């Protein structure tokens, strides 16, 4: 770790040690990472990733922490946050190029302001562009793969490459980046010109649906489980009488059974125990296997 920190100091790359990760996740759960590194461009990212590798320090990329459950004991190694250039986007005609660190809400708003349709489904998803590409985020019948035409990435060796849409291996909550260790840097979206008023109406409709049906007033990581073939996770959980079931500070939301919420002081163990209870109950009563959508990481 000393070697890593020395390299970061030599290149004036920002970092903090022993950073509590609950401050960086929407679940508000998680112990400290050994070091949180903030990079502002490709050069700093390449240096930081290489320094981690050369120092034998594992690392992970952090977006808005909206699909993440981090261990109470924290994270061994480094967490790298994308800032600066990675939070910029450009619009050219009907195409938007976005840094991986851009909030989805900002991308959707930029599309609206330029009269471009196709991203309305993503409005209200509390993640970053990079996270959306990584997991092919979707909602209300739309998915990232519907509009993403290209993604630029950096390999573990620091090489820069680009994947076209047909190379991204998009499927339900999946992209090629789940199969390799490359880091998403930028992505490009092909959209459709439309009336801004109509775009705004669709965005408002989707956001209102979220506010009405989802427990946005509590910390959570969004939908906990993937949609099982031929069914809906939330419906199965509700049918099993699990709405409101609580373990410690974690609760199956009474508003939407597909969400587990932090009602106060929830730990990673609380959530994982509740997830197992839900999976076991649904399997026993319905025969369905519920697969987690949220990513658990840490010690």
C-alpha atoms as a PDB file:
ATOM      1  CA  UNK A   1       0.000   0.000   0.000  1.00  0.00           C
ATOM      2  CA  UNK A   2       2.858   2.402   0.758  1.00  0.00           C
ATOM      3  CA  UNK A   3       4.197   1.913  -2.762  1.00  0.00           C
ATOM      4  CA  UNK A   4       0.786   2.699  -4.232  1.00  0.00           C
ATOM      5  CA  UNK A   5       0.316   5.835  -2.153  1.00  0.00           C
ATOM      6  CA  UNK A   6       3.812   7.038  -3.033  1.00  0.00           C
ATOM      7  CA  UNK A   7       3.045   6.695  -6.741  1.00  0.00           C
ATOM      8  CA  UNK A   8      -0.234   8.588  -6.321  1.00  0.00           C
ATOM      9  CA  UNK A   9       1.590  11.355  -4.440  1.00  0.00           C
ATOM     10  CA  UNK A  10       4.234  11.594  -7.153  1.00  0.00           C
ATOM     11  CA  UNK A  11       1.552  12.095  -9.808  1.00  0.00           C
ATOM     12  CA  UNK A  12      -0.612  14.392  -7.644  1.00  0.00           C
ATOM     13  CA  UNK A  13      -3.578  12.040  -7.830  1.00  0.00           C
ATOM     14  CA  UNK A  14      -6.182  12.640  -5.134  1.00  0.00           C
ATOM     15  CA  UNK A  15      -6.904   9.938  -2.561  1.00  0.00           C
ATOM     16  CA  UNK A  16      -8.104   9.368   0.996  1.00  0.00           C
ATOM     17  CA  UNK A  17      -7.356   6.356   3.185  1.00  0.00           C
ATOM     18  CA  UNK A  18      -9.770   4.358   5.360  1.00  0.00           C
ATOM     19  CA  UNK A  19     -12.786   5.948   3.685  1.00  0.00           C
ATOM     20  CA  UNK A  20     -16.178   4.673   4.984  1.00  0.00           C
ATOM     21  CA  UNK A  21     -18.019   3.325   1.945  1.00  0.00           C
ATOM     22  CA  UNK A  22     -21.482   3.758   3.431  1.00  0.00           C
ATOM     23  CA  UNK A  23     -21.097   7.412   2.458  1.00  0.00           C
ATOM     24  CA  UNK A  24     -20.685   6.373  -1.171  1.00  0.00           C
ATOM     25  CA  UNK A  25     -23.537   3.890  -1.652  1.00  0.00           C
ATOM     26  CA  UNK A  26     -27.277   4.411  -1.963  1.00  0.00           C
ATOM     27  CA  UNK A  27     -27.813   1.639   0.610  1.00  0.00           C
ATOM     28  CA  UNK A  28     -25.805   3.686   3.161  1.00  0.00           C
ATOM     29  CA  UNK A  29     -24.082   0.464   4.189  1.00  0.00           C
ATOM     30  CA  UNK A  30     -20.420  -0.535   4.146  1.00  0.00           C
ATOM     31  CA  UNK A  31     -17.162  -0.389   6.054  1.00  0.00           C
ATOM     32  CA  UNK A  32     -14.017   1.454   5.022  1.00  0.00           C
ATOM     33  CA  UNK A  33     -11.969   0.944   1.878  1.00  0.00           C
ATOM     34  CA  UNK A  34      -8.209   0.920   2.369  1.00  0.00           C
ATOM     35  CA  UNK A  35      -7.979   3.826  -0.067  1.00  0.00           C
ATOM     36  CA  UNK A  36     -10.425   5.782  -2.233  1.00  0.00           C
ATOM     37  CA  UNK A  37      -8.715   7.218  -5.319  1.00  0.00           C
ATOM     38  CA  UNK A  38     -10.315   9.937  -7.431  1.00  0.00           C
ATOM     39  CA  UNK A  39      -9.125  10.211 -11.036  1.00  0.00           C
ATOM     40  CA  UNK A  40     -10.005  13.040 -13.413  1.00  0.00           C
ATOM     41  CA  UNK A  41      -9.044  11.582 -16.776  1.00  0.00           C
ATOM     42  CA  UNK A  42      -7.687   8.605 -18.704  1.00  0.00           C
ATOM     43  CA  UNK A  43      -4.048   9.358 -17.894  1.00  0.00           C
ATOM     44  CA  UNK A  44      -4.669   9.434 -14.142  1.00  0.00           C
ATOM     45  CA  UNK A  45      -6.809   6.301 -14.367  1.00  0.00           C
ATOM     46  CA  UNK A  46      -4.080   4.459 -16.255  1.00  0.00           C
ATOM     47  CA  UNK A  47      -1.477   5.513 -13.675  1.00  0.00           C
ATOM     48  CA  UNK A  48      -3.691   4.590 -10.715  1.00  0.00           C
ATOM     49  CA  UNK A  49      -4.687   1.196 -12.125  1.00  0.00           C
ATOM     50  CA  UNK A  50      -1.074   0.370 -13.040  1.00  0.00           C
ATOM     51  CA  UNK A  51       0.123   1.449  -9.597  1.00  0.00           C
ATOM     52  CA  UNK A  52      -2.448  -0.818  -7.955  1.00  0.00           C
ATOM     53  CA  UNK A  53      -1.380  -3.729 -10.117  1.00  0.00           C
ATOM     54  CA  UNK A  54       2.317  -3.135  -9.546  1.00  0.00           C
ATOM     55  CA  UNK A  55       1.743  -2.839  -5.793  1.00  0.00           C
ATOM     56  CA  UNK A  56      -0.392  -5.978  -5.613  1.00  0.00           C
ATOM     57  CA  UNK A  57      -3.408  -3.935  -4.490  1.00  0.00           C
ATOM     58  CA  UNK A  58      -6.798  -5.038  -5.866  1.00  0.00           C
ATOM     59  CA  UNK A  59      -9.103  -2.280  -7.099  1.00  0.00           C
ATOM     60  CA  UNK A  60     -12.682  -1.701  -8.129  1.00  0.00           C
ATOM     61  CA  UNK A  61     -14.425   1.116  -9.988  1.00  0.00           C
ATOM     62  CA  UNK A  62     -17.138   3.036  -8.134  1.00  0.00           C
ATOM     63  CA  UNK A  63     -19.991   4.903  -9.780  1.00  0.00           C
ATOM     64  CA  UNK A  64     -22.830   6.203  -7.632  1.00  0.00           C
ATOM     65  CA  UNK A  65     -22.882   2.984  -5.589  1.00  0.00           C
ATOM     66  CA  UNK A  66     -26.517   2.423  -6.524  1.00  0.00           C
ATOM     67  CA  UNK A  67     -26.387  -1.322  -7.190  1.00  0.00           C
ATOM     68  CA  UNK A  68     -23.866  -2.188  -4.530  1.00  0.00           C
ATOM     69  CA  UNK A  69     -23.835  -3.880  -1.135  1.00  0.00           C
ATOM     70  CA  UNK A  70     -20.492  -3.492   0.629  1.00  0.00           C
ATOM     71  CA  UNK A  71     -19.335  -5.628   3.530  1.00  0.00           C
ATOM     72  CA  UNK A  72     -19.490  -4.192   7.041  1.00  0.00           C
ATOM     73  CA  UNK A  73     -15.796  -5.029   7.301  1.00  0.00           C
ATOM     74  CA  UNK A  74     -15.034  -2.818   4.315  1.00  0.00           C
ATOM     75  CA  UNK A  75     -12.952  -3.401   1.185  1.00  0.00           C
ATOM     76  CA  UNK A  76      -9.427  -4.701   0.868  1.00  0.00           C
ATOM     77  CA  UNK A  77      -7.504  -2.556  -1.579  1.00  0.00           C
ATOM     78  CA  UNK A  78      -8.503   0.484  -3.598  1.00  0.00           C
ATOM     79  CA  UNK A  79     -11.745   1.957  -4.819  1.00  0.00           C
ATOM     80  CA  UNK A  80     -11.371   4.222  -7.863  1.00  0.00           C
ATOM     81  CA  UNK A  81     -13.931   6.969  -8.469  1.00  0.00           C
ATOM     82  CA  UNK A  82     -14.239   8.639 -11.883  1.00  0.00           C
ATOM     83  CA  UNK A  83     -14.381  12.441 -11.868  1.00  0.00           C
ATOM     84  CA  UNK A  84     -13.342  15.355 -14.087  1.00  0.00           C
ATOM     85  CA  UNK A  85     -13.388  14.383 -17.771  1.00  0.00           C
ATOM     86  CA  UNK A  86     -15.419  11.303 -16.932  1.00  0.00           C
ATOM     87  CA  UNK A  87     -18.320  13.526 -15.851  1.00  0.00           C
ATOM     88  CA  UNK A  88     -18.518  15.428 -19.140  1.00  0.00           C
ATOM     89  CA  UNK A  89     -20.728  14.813 -22.174  1.00  0.00           C
ATOM     90  CA  UNK A  90     -21.043  16.248 -25.680  1.00  0.00           C
ATOM     91  CA  UNK A  91     -23.965  16.410 -28.078  1.00  0.00           C
ATOM     92  CA  UNK A  92     -23.508  16.232 -31.840  1.00  0.00           C
ATOM     93  CA  UNK A  93     -26.660  16.051 -33.918  1.00  0.00           C
ATOM     94  CA  UNK A  94     -28.630  13.052 -32.716  1.00  0.00           C
ATOM     95  CA  UNK A  95     -25.675  11.508 -30.878  1.00  0.00           C
ATOM     96  CA  UNK A  96     -24.481  11.999 -27.299  1.00  0.00           C
ATOM     97  CA  UNK A  97     -21.032  10.911 -26.107  1.00  0.00           C
ATOM     98  CA  UNK A  98     -20.815  10.590 -22.341  1.00  0.00           C
ATOM     99  CA  UNK A  99     -18.150   9.917 -19.759  1.00  0.00           C
ATOM    100  CA  UNK A 100     -18.699   6.859 -17.593  1.00  0.00           C
ATOM    101  CA  UNK A 101     -18.975   9.009 -14.458  1.00  0.00           C
ATOM    102  CA  UNK A 102     -21.914  11.062 -15.736  1.00  0.00           C
ATOM    103  CA  UNK A 103     -25.122  10.588 -13.746  1.00  0.00           C
ATOM    104  CA  UNK A 104     -27.895   9.006 -15.797  1.00  0.00           C
ATOM    105  CA  UNK A 105     -30.161  11.886 -14.811  1.00  0.00           C
ATOM    106  CA  UNK A 106     -27.700  14.326 -16.424  1.00  0.00           C
ATOM    107  CA  UNK A 107     -27.549  12.255 -19.613  1.00  0.00           C
ATOM    108  CA  UNK A 108     -31.351  12.135 -19.807  1.00  0.00           C
ATOM    109  CA  UNK A 109     -31.635  15.874 -19.178  1.00  0.00           C
ATOM    110  CA  UNK A 110     -29.082  16.623 -21.916  1.00  0.00           C
ATOM    111  CA  UNK A 111     -31.118  14.525 -24.333  1.00  0.00           C
ATOM    112  CA  UNK A 112     -34.292  16.408 -23.366  1.00  0.00           C
ATOM    113  CA  UNK A 113     -32.623  19.811 -23.770  1.00  0.00           C
ATOM    114  CA  UNK A 114     -31.539  18.852 -27.269  1.00  0.00           C
ATOM    115  CA  UNK A 115     -34.883  17.368 -28.309  1.00  0.00           C
ATOM    116  CA  UNK A 116     -33.580  13.798 -28.446  1.00  0.00           C
ATOM    117  CA  UNK A 117     -35.726  10.825 -27.469  1.00  0.00           C
ATOM    118  CA  UNK A 118     -34.784   7.315 -26.427  1.00  0.00           C
ATOM    119  CA  UNK A 119     -33.392   7.729 -22.920  1.00  0.00           C
ATOM    120  CA  UNK A 120     -36.609   8.503 -21.098  1.00  0.00           C
ATOM    121  CA  UNK A 121     -36.685   5.036 -19.507  1.00  0.00           C
ATOM    122  CA  UNK A 122     -33.435   5.800 -17.672  1.00  0.00           C
ATOM    123  CA  UNK A 123     -34.666   8.974 -16.023  1.00  0.00           C
ATOM    124  CA  UNK A 124     -34.742   8.312 -12.299  1.00  0.00           C
ATOM    125  CA  UNK A 125     -32.380   5.335 -12.328  1.00  0.00           C
ATOM    126  CA  UNK A 126     -29.891   6.408  -9.621  1.00  0.00           C
ATOM    127  CA  UNK A 127     -26.687   5.333 -11.314  1.00  0.00           C
ATOM    128  CA  UNK A 128     -23.981   6.459 -13.697  1.00  0.00           C
ATOM    129  CA  UNK A 129     -23.616   5.973 -17.426  1.00  0.00           C
ATOM    130  CA  UNK A 130     -20.781   3.501 -16.872  1.00  0.00           C
ATOM    131  CA  UNK A 131     -22.882   1.430 -14.497  1.00  0.00           C
ATOM    132  CA  UNK A 132     -25.777   1.455 -16.959  1.00  0.00           C
ATOM    133  CA  UNK A 133     -23.566   0.085 -19.727  1.00  0.00           C
ATOM    134  CA  UNK A 134     -21.948  -2.457 -17.406  1.00  0.00           C
ATOM    135  CA  UNK A 135     -25.277  -4.029 -16.441  1.00  0.00           C
ATOM    136  CA  UNK A 136     -27.427  -2.976 -19.412  1.00  0.00           C
ATOM    137  CA  UNK A 137     -29.677  -1.021 -17.075  1.00  0.00           C
ATOM    138  CA  UNK A 138     -33.301  -0.781 -18.055  1.00  0.00           C
ATOM    139  CA  UNK A 139     -36.811   0.087 -16.952  1.00  0.00           C
ATOM    140  CA  UNK A 140     -40.316   0.492 -18.348  1.00  0.00           C
ATOM    141  CA  UNK A 141     -39.610  -1.511 -21.476  1.00  0.00           C
ATOM    142  CA  UNK A 142     -36.368   0.262 -22.370  1.00  0.00           C
ATOM    143  CA  UNK A 143     -32.772  -0.858 -21.974  1.00  0.00           C
ATOM    144  CA  UNK A 144     -29.339   0.667 -22.457  1.00  0.00           C
ATOM    145  CA  UNK A 145     -28.749  -1.593 -25.446  1.00  0.00           C
ATOM    146  CA  UNK A 146     -31.609   0.101 -27.289  1.00  0.00           C
ATOM    147  CA  UNK A 147     -29.628   3.325 -27.640  1.00  0.00           C
ATOM    148  CA  UNK A 148     -25.950   2.617 -26.866  1.00  0.00           C
ATOM    149  CA  UNK A 149     -23.993   2.249 -30.103  1.00  0.00           C
ATOM    150  CA  UNK A 150     -20.422   2.246 -28.796  1.00  0.00           C
ATOM    151  CA  UNK A 151     -18.333   1.995 -25.637  1.00  0.00           C
ATOM    152  CA  UNK A 152     -14.689   2.931 -25.119  1.00  0.00           C
ATOM    153  CA  UNK A 153     -12.773   1.037 -22.463  1.00  0.00           C
ATOM    154  CA  UNK A 154      -9.354   0.519 -20.908  1.00  0.00           C
ATOM    155  CA  UNK A 155      -7.937  -2.977 -20.472  1.00  0.00           C
ATOM    156  CA  UNK A 156      -6.092  -4.056 -17.294  1.00  0.00           C
ATOM    157  CA  UNK A 157      -2.870  -3.433 -19.238  1.00  0.00           C
ATOM    158  CA  UNK A 158      -3.826   0.176 -19.922  1.00  0.00           C
ATOM    159  CA  UNK A 159      -4.720  -0.277 -23.595  1.00  0.00           C
ATOM    160  CA  UNK A 160      -7.669   1.705 -24.965  1.00  0.00           C
ATOM    161  CA  UNK A 161     -10.245  -0.029 -27.140  1.00  0.00           C
ATOM    162  CA  UNK A 162     -13.744   0.493 -28.511  1.00  0.00           C
ATOM    163  CA  UNK A 163     -16.663  -1.915 -28.831  1.00  0.00           C
ATOM    164  CA  UNK A 164     -19.492  -1.333 -31.275  1.00  0.00           C
ATOM    165  CA  UNK A 165     -23.041  -2.222 -30.270  1.00  0.00           C
ATOM    166  CA  UNK A 166     -22.924  -5.744 -31.694  1.00  0.00           C
ATOM    167  CA  UNK A 167     -19.735  -6.466 -29.736  1.00  0.00           C
ATOM    168  CA  UNK A 168     -21.071  -5.382 -26.355  1.00  0.00           C
ATOM    169  CA  UNK A 169     -22.919  -8.673 -25.753  1.00  0.00           C
ATOM    170  CA  UNK A 170     -25.893  -6.907 -24.213  1.00  0.00           C
ATOM    171  CA  UNK A 171     -28.564  -9.094 -22.659  1.00  0.00           C
ATOM    172  CA  UNK A 172     -30.752  -8.858 -19.569  1.00  0.00           C
ATOM    173  CA  UNK A 173     -28.644  -7.067 -16.922  1.00  0.00           C
ATOM    174  CA  UNK A 174     -25.468  -8.094 -18.735  1.00  0.00           C
ATOM    175  CA  UNK A 175     -22.734  -6.714 -20.982  1.00  0.00           C
ATOM    176  CA  UNK A 176     -19.333  -7.917 -22.147  1.00  0.00           C
ATOM    177  CA  UNK A 177     -17.773  -5.913 -19.316  1.00  0.00           C
ATOM    178  CA  UNK A 178     -19.111  -8.430 -16.802  1.00  0.00           C
ATOM    179  CA  UNK A 179     -16.877 -11.002 -18.478  1.00  0.00           C
ATOM    180  CA  UNK A 180     -13.607  -9.064 -18.473  1.00  0.00           C
ATOM    181  CA  UNK A 181     -11.706  -6.657 -16.245  1.00  0.00           C
ATOM    182  CA  UNK A 182     -11.818  -3.688 -18.606  1.00  0.00           C
ATOM    183  CA  UNK A 183     -12.943  -0.292 -17.342  1.00  0.00           C
ATOM    184  CA  UNK A 184     -15.666   1.583 -19.206  1.00  0.00           C
ATOM    185  CA  UNK A 185     -14.467   5.106 -20.039  1.00  0.00           C
ATOM    186  CA  UNK A 186     -17.022   6.601 -22.436  1.00  0.00           C
ATOM    187  CA  UNK A 187     -20.112   5.506 -24.321  1.00  0.00           C
ATOM    188  CA  UNK A 188     -22.070   6.849 -27.265  1.00  0.00           C
ATOM    189  CA  UNK A 189     -25.850   7.025 -27.765  1.00  0.00           C
ATOM    190  CA  UNK A 190     -27.835   7.298 -30.994  1.00  0.00           C
ATOM    191  CA  UNK A 191     -31.151   8.996 -30.298  1.00  0.00           C
ATOM    192  CA  UNK A 192     -34.216  10.186 -32.198  1.00  0.00           C
ATOM    193  CA  UNK A 193     -35.254  13.839 -32.659  1.00  0.00           C
ATOM    194  CA  UNK A 194     -38.593  14.528 -31.006  1.00  0.00           C
ATOM    195  CA  UNK A 195     -40.637  17.310 -29.455  1.00  0.00           C
ATOM    196  CA  UNK A 196     -39.109  18.294 -26.069  1.00  0.00           C
ATOM    197  CA  UNK A 197     -42.586  18.578 -24.594  1.00  0.00           C
ATOM    198  CA  UNK A 198     -43.381  14.978 -25.490  1.00  0.00           C
ATOM    199  CA  UNK A 199     -40.018  13.818 -24.144  1.00  0.00           C
ATOM    200  CA  UNK A 200     -40.566  15.692 -20.892  1.00  0.00           C
ATOM    201  CA  UNK A 201     -44.044  14.193 -20.522  1.00  0.00           C
ATOM    202  CA  UNK A 202     -42.644  10.654 -20.801  1.00  0.00           C
ATOM    203  CA  UNK A 203     -39.835  11.422 -18.367  1.00  0.00           C
ATOM    204  CA  UNK A 204     -42.279  12.881 -15.849  1.00  0.00           C
ATOM    205  CA  UNK A 205     -44.571   9.881 -16.260  1.00  0.00           C
ATOM    206  CA  UNK A 206     -41.779   7.400 -15.540  1.00  0.00           C
ATOM    207  CA  UNK A 207     -40.522   9.436 -12.585  1.00  0.00           C
ATOM    208  CA  UNK A 208     -44.017   9.685 -11.118  1.00  0.00           C
ATOM    209  CA  UNK A 209     -44.426   5.932 -11.453  1.00  0.00           C
ATOM    210  CA  UNK A 210     -41.180   5.430  -9.549  1.00  0.00           C
ATOM    211  CA  UNK A 211     -42.229   7.790  -6.787  1.00  0.00           C
ATOM    212  CA  UNK A 212     -45.617   6.133  -6.485  1.00  0.00           C
ATOM    213  CA  UNK A 213     -44.510   2.505  -6.571  1.00  0.00           C
ATOM    214  CA  UNK A 214     -40.942   2.465  -5.229  1.00  0.00           C
ATOM    215  CA  UNK A 215     -39.667   3.231  -1.697  1.00  0.00           C
ATOM    216  CA  UNK A 216     -37.471   6.139  -2.752  1.00  0.00           C
ATOM    217  CA  UNK A 217     -37.737   7.681   0.700  1.00  0.00           C
ATOM    218  CA  UNK A 218     -35.449   4.981   2.140  1.00  0.00           C
ATOM    219  CA  UNK A 219     -31.864   4.014   1.316  1.00  0.00           C
ATOM    220  CA  UNK A 220     -31.760   0.966  -0.964  1.00  0.00           C
ATOM    221  CA  UNK A 221     -29.877  -0.527  -3.883  1.00  0.00           C
ATOM    222  CA  UNK A 222     -32.902  -0.617  -6.155  1.00  0.00           C
ATOM    223  CA  UNK A 223     -34.407  -3.904  -7.286  1.00  0.00           C
ATOM    224  CA  UNK A 224     -32.683  -6.683  -5.373  1.00  0.00           C
ATOM    225  CA  UNK A 225     -33.475  -9.601  -7.675  1.00  0.00           C
ATOM    226  CA  UNK A 226     -33.395 -10.185 -11.403  1.00  0.00           C
ATOM    227  CA  UNK A 227     -36.696 -10.918 -13.106  1.00  0.00           C
ATOM    228  CA  UNK A 228     -37.124 -14.718 -13.196  1.00  0.00           C
ATOM    229  CA  UNK A 229     -38.361 -16.188 -16.506  1.00  0.00           C
ATOM    230  CA  UNK A 230     -42.138 -16.029 -16.674  1.00  0.00           C
ATOM    231  CA  UNK A 231     -42.629 -14.107 -13.438  1.00  0.00           C
ATOM    232  CA  UNK A 232     -41.807 -10.961 -11.471  1.00  0.00           C
ATOM    233  CA  UNK A 233     -39.653 -11.110  -8.352  1.00  0.00           C
ATOM    234  CA  UNK A 234     -41.699  -8.543  -6.440  1.00  0.00           C
ATOM    235  CA  UNK A 235     -44.946 -10.377  -7.139  1.00  0.00           C
ATOM    236  CA  UNK A 236     -43.519 -13.718  -6.005  1.00  0.00           C
ATOM    237  CA  UNK A 237     -42.152 -12.181  -2.815  1.00  0.00           C
ATOM    238  CA  UNK A 238     -45.471 -10.529  -2.051  1.00  0.00           C
ATOM    239  CA  UNK A 239     -47.377 -13.761  -2.729  1.00  0.00           C
ATOM    240  CA  UNK A 240     -45.156 -15.461  -0.142  1.00  0.00           C
ATOM    241  CA  UNK A 241     -46.265 -12.948   2.482  1.00  0.00           C
ATOM    242  CA  UNK A 242     -42.848 -11.374   2.853  1.00  0.00           C
ATOM    243  CA  UNK A 243     -43.754  -7.706   2.504  1.00  0.00           C
ATOM    244  CA  UNK A 244     -42.539  -5.931   5.606  1.00  0.00           C
ATOM    245  CA  UNK A 245     -40.352  -8.842   6.760  1.00  0.00           C
ATOM    246  CA  UNK A 246     -37.420  -7.425   8.703  1.00  0.00           C
ATOM    247  CA  UNK A 247     -33.961  -8.579   9.727  1.00  0.00           C
ATOM    248  CA  UNK A 248     -32.217  -6.001  11.884  1.00  0.00           C
ATOM    249  CA  UNK A 249     -32.405  -2.682  10.061  1.00  0.00           C
ATOM    250  CA  UNK A 250     -33.186  -4.285   6.667  1.00  0.00           C
ATOM    251  CA  UNK A 251     -36.763  -4.679   5.499  1.00  0.00           C
ATOM    252  CA  UNK A 252     -38.609  -6.027   2.487  1.00  0.00           C
ATOM    253  CA  UNK A 253     -40.360  -2.848   1.421  1.00  0.00           C
ATOM    254  CA  UNK A 254     -44.077  -2.682   2.129  1.00  0.00           C
ATOM    255  CA  UNK A 255     -44.375  -0.422  -0.899  1.00  0.00           C
ATOM    256  CA  UNK A 256     -42.605  -2.687  -3.409  1.00  0.00           C
ATOM    257  CA  UNK A 257     -41.577  -6.202  -2.396  1.00  0.00           C
ATOM    258  CA  UNK A 258     -38.764  -6.251  -4.963  1.00  0.00           C
ATOM    259  CA  UNK A 259     -36.846  -3.736  -2.832  1.00  0.00           C
ATOM    260  CA  UNK A 260     -34.986  -4.266   0.414  1.00  0.00           C
ATOM    261  CA  UNK A 261     -34.628  -0.993   2.281  1.00  0.00           C
ATOM    262  CA  UNK A 262     -32.475   0.323   5.086  1.00  0.00           C
ATOM    263  CA  UNK A 263     -34.990   1.448   7.687  1.00  0.00           C
ATOM    264  CA  UNK A 264     -32.214   2.530  10.016  1.00  0.00           C
ATOM    265  CA  UNK A 265     -28.800   1.163  10.900  1.00  0.00           C
ATOM    266  CA  UNK A 266     -28.984  -1.823   8.567  1.00  0.00           C
ATOM    267  CA  UNK A 267     -25.785  -3.810   8.163  1.00  0.00           C
ATOM    268  CA  UNK A 268     -24.548  -5.859   5.234  1.00  0.00           C
ATOM    269  CA  UNK A 269     -25.254  -8.977   7.307  1.00  0.00           C
ATOM    270  CA  UNK A 270     -28.846  -7.847   7.882  1.00  0.00           C
ATOM    271  CA  UNK A 271     -29.357  -7.502   4.135  1.00  0.00           C
ATOM    272  CA  UNK A 272     -27.658 -10.760   3.177  1.00  0.00           C
ATOM    273  CA  UNK A 273     -29.624 -12.674   5.822  1.00  0.00           C
ATOM    274  CA  UNK A 274     -32.878 -11.150   4.573  1.00  0.00           C
ATOM    275  CA  UNK A 275     -31.969 -11.925   0.961  1.00  0.00           C
ATOM    276  CA  UNK A 276     -31.383 -15.576   1.882  1.00  0.00           C
ATOM    277  CA  UNK A 277     -34.661 -15.732   3.795  1.00  0.00           C
ATOM    278  CA  UNK A 278     -36.517 -14.361   0.765  1.00  0.00           C
ATOM    279  CA  UNK A 279     -34.762 -16.722  -1.659  1.00  0.00           C
ATOM    280  CA  UNK A 280     -35.398 -19.776   0.529  1.00  0.00           C
ATOM    281  CA  UNK A 281     -39.050 -18.883   1.100  1.00  0.00           C
ATOM    282  CA  UNK A 282     -39.784 -18.173  -2.561  1.00  0.00           C
ATOM    283  CA  UNK A 283     -38.019 -21.381  -3.626  1.00  0.00           C
ATOM    284  CA  UNK A 284     -39.979 -23.470  -1.122  1.00  0.00           C
ATOM    285  CA  UNK A 285     -43.366 -21.937  -1.838  1.00  0.00           C
ATOM    286  CA  UNK A 286     -43.179 -21.339  -5.595  1.00  0.00           C
ATOM    287  CA  UNK A 287     -40.232 -23.273  -6.998  1.00  0.00           C
ATOM    288  CA  UNK A 288     -38.678 -20.116  -8.443  1.00  0.00           C
ATOM    289  CA  UNK A 289     -34.997 -19.357  -7.906  1.00  0.00           C
ATOM    290  CA  UNK A 290     -34.382 -15.647  -7.313  1.00  0.00           C
ATOM    291  CA  UNK A 291     -30.991 -14.427  -8.505  1.00  0.00           C
ATOM    292  CA  UNK A 292     -29.530 -11.278  -6.971  1.00  0.00           C
ATOM    293  CA  UNK A 293     -29.176  -8.240  -9.179  1.00  0.00           C
ATOM    294  CA  UNK A 294     -27.239  -6.180  -6.635  1.00  0.00           C
ATOM    295  CA  UNK A 295     -23.504  -6.778  -6.348  1.00  0.00           C
ATOM    296  CA  UNK A 296     -22.017  -7.657  -2.970  1.00  0.00           C
ATOM    297  CA  UNK A 297     -18.364  -6.911  -2.476  1.00  0.00           C
ATOM    298  CA  UNK A 298     -15.809  -6.450   0.267  1.00  0.00           C
ATOM    299  CA  UNK A 299     -14.149  -8.494   2.967  1.00  0.00           C
END
